[in-house]
Amino acid sequence: MADIRHHYFSVAVRDLEAGMKRYEEFFGLKPVGEILEQRWGFRGVMLGNDEGAILEMISPMSDDSALKRFMDMREGDAYPNGEGLYLVGMQVDDLEGTVQRIEASGGRITRETESPNLAWLHPLSNGNVLVELIQKAEEQGEA
């Protein structure tokens, strides 16, 4: 079985600045890197502490983004404004093997040629949790 580790998770918010302020006040987290992702239609920031990034906070940039559609779809009493956990990122040492195992077990995987080191497990085949699989980078000095 492949080595799998938690890498980060994404929290979807409507107002990025308000979300950042809340996480700073509640948890003391500060921005450690901005993310401007045009391809998927969101803007985000990595929040963390002295030990590094802990979570990615993202906000839709346009009305036609997948993130906006997702937030609109789940908006209700349980998820005011559709905000909340959006994605769990997992780092794997064997992306291809992990993808094959998931597909063989009935999971639905999405891939993009622009991102050969990434794969996504569709939430409808995983209890409504979107999982991003990230190929672990080879460490310096390994053969």
C-alpha atoms as a PDB file:
ATOM      1  CA  MET A   1       0.000   0.000   0.000  1.00  0.00           C
ATOM      2  CA  ALA A   2       1.281   3.467  -0.896  1.00  0.00           C
ATOM      3  CA  ASP A   3       2.475   5.874   1.770  1.00  0.00           C
ATOM      4  CA  ILE A   4      -0.206   8.568   2.152  1.00  0.00           C
ATOM      5  CA  ARG A   5       0.086  11.677   4.325  1.00  0.00           C
ATOM      6  CA  HIS A   6      -2.134  14.644   5.010  1.00  0.00           C
ATOM      7  CA  HIS A   7      -0.737  17.611   3.072  1.00  0.00           C
ATOM      8  CA  TYR A   8      -3.259  20.419   3.626  1.00  0.00           C
ATOM      9  CA  PHE A   9      -6.945  21.153   3.505  1.00  0.00           C
ATOM     10  CA  SER A  10      -8.934  23.911   1.825  1.00  0.00           C
ATOM     11  CA  VAL A  11     -11.645  25.990   3.425  1.00  0.00           C
ATOM     12  CA  ALA A  12     -14.065  27.792   1.085  1.00  0.00           C
ATOM     13  CA  VAL A  13     -15.218  31.279   2.080  1.00  0.00           C
ATOM     14  CA  ARG A  14     -17.182  33.975   0.255  1.00  0.00           C
ATOM     15  CA  ASP A  15     -15.021  36.831   1.628  1.00  0.00           C
ATOM     16  CA  LEU A  16     -11.331  35.920   1.718  1.00  0.00           C
ATOM     17  CA  GLU A  17     -10.262  38.902   3.837  1.00  0.00           C
ATOM     18  CA  ALA A  18     -12.970  38.270   6.458  1.00  0.00           C
ATOM     19  CA  GLY A  19     -12.073  34.578   6.576  1.00  0.00           C
ATOM     20  CA  MET A  20      -8.380  35.367   7.029  1.00  0.00           C
ATOM     21  CA  LYS A  21      -9.186  37.789   9.841  1.00  0.00           C
ATOM     22  CA  ARG A  22     -11.343  35.182  11.609  1.00  0.00           C
ATOM     23  CA  TYR A  23      -8.624  32.504  11.433  1.00  0.00           C
ATOM     24  CA  GLU A  24      -6.025  34.973  12.668  1.00  0.00           C
ATOM     25  CA  GLU A  25      -8.208  36.016  15.615  1.00  0.00           C
ATOM     26  CA  PHE A  26      -9.312  32.468  16.499  1.00  0.00           C
ATOM     27  CA  PHE A  27      -6.100  30.527  15.845  1.00  0.00           C
ATOM     28  CA  GLY A  28      -3.283  33.046  15.360  1.00  0.00           C
ATOM     29  CA  LEU A  29      -2.755  31.902  11.753  1.00  0.00           C
ATOM     30  CA  LYS A  30      -1.138  34.348   9.354  1.00  0.00           C
ATOM     31  CA  PRO A  31      -0.750  34.375   5.570  1.00  0.00           C
ATOM     32  CA  VAL A  32       2.333  32.427   4.464  1.00  0.00           C
ATOM     33  CA  GLY A  33       1.692  32.525   0.701  1.00  0.00           C
ATOM     34  CA  GLU A  34      -0.904  33.893  -1.711  1.00  0.00           C
ATOM     35  CA  ILE A  35      -2.509  31.766  -4.403  1.00  0.00           C
ATOM     36  CA  LEU A  36      -4.002  33.355  -7.487  1.00  0.00           C
ATOM     37  CA  GLU A  37      -5.518  30.520  -9.491  1.00  0.00           C
ATOM     38  CA  GLN A  38      -7.161  31.721 -12.683  1.00  0.00           C
ATOM     39  CA  ARG A  39      -7.605  28.261 -14.224  1.00  0.00           C
ATOM     40  CA  TRP A  40     -10.050  27.083 -11.566  1.00  0.00           C
ATOM     41  CA  GLY A  41     -11.565  30.490 -10.830  1.00  0.00           C
ATOM     42  CA  PHE A  42     -10.555  31.045  -7.242  1.00  0.00           C
ATOM     43  CA  ARG A  43      -8.221  33.211  -5.231  1.00  0.00           C
ATOM     44  CA  GLY A  44      -6.640  31.967  -2.056  1.00  0.00           C
ATOM     45  CA  VAL A  45      -4.029  32.184   0.604  1.00  0.00           C
ATOM     46  CA  MET A  46      -2.082  29.619   2.570  1.00  0.00           C
ATOM     47  CA  LEU A  47      -2.423  30.273   6.300  1.00  0.00           C
ATOM     48  CA  GLY A  48      -0.013  28.963   8.881  1.00  0.00           C
ATOM     49  CA  ASN A  49       2.313  29.559  11.768  1.00  0.00           C
ATOM     50  CA  ASP A  50       6.075  29.455  12.354  1.00  0.00           C
ATOM     51  CA  GLU A  51       6.092  25.771  11.368  1.00  0.00           C
ATOM     52  CA  GLY A  52       4.594  26.438   7.918  1.00  0.00           C
ATOM     53  CA  ALA A  53       1.280  26.257   6.090  1.00  0.00           C
ATOM     54  CA  ILE A  54      -1.652  24.575   7.810  1.00  0.00           C
ATOM     55  CA  LEU A  55      -4.562  25.318   5.505  1.00  0.00           C
ATOM     56  CA  GLU A  56      -5.525  26.914   2.235  1.00  0.00           C
ATOM     57  CA  MET A  57      -8.385  29.402   2.330  1.00  0.00           C
ATOM     58  CA  ILE A  58     -10.066  29.971  -1.030  1.00  0.00           C
ATOM     59  CA  SER A  59     -12.747  32.244  -2.401  1.00  0.00           C
ATOM     60  CA  PRO A  60     -14.456  32.217  -5.818  1.00  0.00           C
ATOM     61  CA  MET A  61     -13.305  34.877  -8.294  1.00  0.00           C
ATOM     62  CA  SER A  62     -16.179  34.517 -10.727  1.00  0.00           C
ATOM     63  CA  ASP A  63     -19.794  33.401 -10.872  1.00  0.00           C
ATOM     64  CA  ASP A  64     -18.961  30.549 -13.257  1.00  0.00           C
ATOM     65  CA  SER A  65     -16.221  28.924 -11.145  1.00  0.00           C
ATOM     66  CA  ALA A  66     -16.649  25.367  -9.870  1.00  0.00           C
ATOM     67  CA  LEU A  67     -16.018  26.635  -6.343  1.00  0.00           C
ATOM     68  CA  LYS A  68     -18.885  29.162  -6.572  1.00  0.00           C
ATOM     69  CA  ARG A  69     -21.233  26.494  -7.962  1.00  0.00           C
ATOM     70  CA  PHE A  70     -20.231  24.114  -5.166  1.00  0.00           C
ATOM     71  CA  MET A  71     -20.787  26.756  -2.475  1.00  0.00           C
ATOM     72  CA  ASP A  72     -24.173  27.752  -3.965  1.00  0.00           C
ATOM     73  CA  MET A  73     -25.247  24.103  -4.119  1.00  0.00           C
ATOM     74  CA  ARG A  74     -24.554  23.372  -0.462  1.00  0.00           C
ATOM     75  CA  GLU A  75     -25.690  26.709   0.955  1.00  0.00           C
ATOM     76  CA  GLY A  76     -28.249  26.225   3.718  1.00  0.00           C
ATOM     77  CA  ASP A  77     -28.693  25.988   7.465  1.00  0.00           C
ATOM     78  CA  ALA A  78     -25.861  23.489   7.857  1.00  0.00           C
ATOM     79  CA  TYR A  79     -23.478  25.550   5.691  1.00  0.00           C
ATOM     80  CA  PRO A  80     -24.306  29.270   5.904  1.00  0.00           C
ATOM     81  CA  ASN A  81     -23.169  30.949   2.662  1.00  0.00           C
ATOM     82  CA  GLY A  82     -21.975  27.522   1.486  1.00  0.00           C
ATOM     83  CA  GLU A  83     -18.727  28.020   3.401  1.00  0.00           C
ATOM     84  CA  GLY A  84     -16.706  25.238   4.989  1.00  0.00           C
ATOM     85  CA  LEU A  85     -14.311  22.442   4.211  1.00  0.00           C
ATOM     86  CA  TYR A  86     -13.810  22.144   0.455  1.00  0.00           C
ATOM     87  CA  LEU A  87     -10.874  19.821  -0.167  1.00  0.00           C
ATOM     88  CA  VAL A  88      -8.430  17.523   1.613  1.00  0.00           C
ATOM     89  CA  GLY A  89      -4.959  17.347   0.061  1.00  0.00           C
ATOM     90  CA  MET A  90      -3.060  14.088   0.491  1.00  0.00           C
ATOM     91  CA  GLN A  91       0.535  13.513  -0.493  1.00  0.00           C
ATOM     92  CA  VAL A  92       1.258  10.045  -1.880  1.00  0.00           C
ATOM     93  CA  ASP A  93       4.520   8.339  -2.766  1.00  0.00           C
ATOM     94  CA  ASP A  94       2.952   6.481  -5.741  1.00  0.00           C
ATOM     95  CA  LEU A  95       0.297   8.567  -7.482  1.00  0.00           C
ATOM     96  CA  GLU A  96      -0.308   6.108 -10.311  1.00  0.00           C
ATOM     97  CA  GLY A  97      -0.648   3.140  -7.951  1.00  0.00           C
ATOM     98  CA  THR A  98      -2.997   5.077  -5.687  1.00  0.00           C
ATOM     99  CA  VAL A  99      -5.156   6.146  -8.644  1.00  0.00           C
ATOM    100  CA  GLN A 100      -5.336   2.559  -9.928  1.00  0.00           C
ATOM    101  CA  ARG A 101      -6.342   1.241  -6.477  1.00  0.00           C
ATOM    102  CA  ILE A 102      -9.066   3.898  -6.092  1.00  0.00           C
ATOM    103  CA  GLU A 103     -10.468   3.273  -9.582  1.00  0.00           C
ATOM    104  CA  ALA A 104     -10.401  -0.507  -9.058  1.00  0.00           C
ATOM    105  CA  SER A 105     -12.430   0.047  -5.884  1.00  0.00           C
ATOM    106  CA  GLY A 106     -15.055   2.133  -7.690  1.00  0.00           C
ATOM    107  CA  GLY A 107     -13.723   5.642  -7.061  1.00  0.00           C
ATOM    108  CA  ARG A 108     -14.012   8.310  -9.756  1.00  0.00           C
ATOM    109  CA  ILE A 109     -10.709  10.058 -10.510  1.00  0.00           C
ATOM    110  CA  THR A 110     -10.242  13.285 -12.457  1.00  0.00           C
ATOM    111  CA  ARG A 111      -6.887  14.137 -14.082  1.00  0.00           C
ATOM    112  CA  GLU A 112      -5.617  17.097 -16.104  1.00  0.00           C
ATOM    113  CA  THR A 113      -2.711  17.018 -18.534  1.00  0.00           C
ATOM    114  CA  GLU A 114      -1.601  20.418 -17.158  1.00  0.00           C
ATOM    115  CA  SER A 115      -1.109  18.834 -13.718  1.00  0.00           C
ATOM    116  CA  PRO A 116       0.609  15.460 -14.181  1.00  0.00           C
ATOM    117  CA  ASN A 117       1.526  15.175 -10.481  1.00  0.00           C
ATOM    118  CA  LEU A 118      -2.059  15.656  -9.288  1.00  0.00           C
ATOM    119  CA  ALA A 119      -5.302  13.690  -9.344  1.00  0.00           C
ATOM    120  CA  TRP A 120      -8.666  14.356  -7.726  1.00  0.00           C
ATOM    121  CA  LEU A 121     -11.067  11.865  -6.184  1.00  0.00           C
ATOM    122  CA  HIS A 122     -14.551  13.071  -7.075  1.00  0.00           C
ATOM    123  CA  PRO A 123     -16.648  13.848  -3.988  1.00  0.00           C
ATOM    124  CA  LEU A 124     -19.686  11.927  -5.241  1.00  0.00           C
ATOM    125  CA  SER A 125     -17.670   8.700  -5.112  1.00  0.00           C
ATOM    126  CA  ASN A 126     -16.161   9.539  -1.711  1.00  0.00           C
ATOM    127  CA  GLY A 127     -18.866  10.518   0.762  1.00  0.00           C
ATOM    128  CA  ASN A 128     -18.960  14.133  -0.488  1.00  0.00           C
ATOM    129  CA  VAL A 129     -15.273  14.771   0.249  1.00  0.00           C
ATOM    130  CA  LEU A 130     -13.093  16.082  -2.603  1.00  0.00           C
ATOM    131  CA  VAL A 131      -9.567  14.701  -2.207  1.00  0.00           C
ATOM    132  CA  GLU A 132      -6.558  16.033  -4.085  1.00  0.00           C
ATOM    133  CA  LEU A 133      -3.787  13.466  -4.494  1.00  0.00           C
ATOM    134  CA  ILE A 134      -0.330  14.997  -4.812  1.00  0.00           C
ATOM    135  CA  GLN A 135       2.709  13.019  -5.966  1.00  0.00           C
ATOM    136  CA  LYS A 136       5.398  13.293  -3.298  1.00  0.00           C
ATOM    137  CA  ALA A 137       8.449  15.044  -4.684  1.00  0.00           C
ATOM    138  CA  GLU A 138      11.644  13.043  -4.854  1.00  0.00           C
ATOM    139  CA  GLU A 139      13.921  14.106  -2.024  1.00  0.00           C
ATOM    140  CA  GLN A 140      17.407  15.398  -2.770  1.00  0.00           C
ATOM    141  CA  GLY A 141      20.036  12.688  -2.759  1.00  0.00           C
ATOM    142  CA  GLU A 142      17.684   9.775  -3.392  1.00  0.00           C
ATOM    143  CA  ALA A 143      18.647   7.378  -6.132  1.00  0.00           C
END
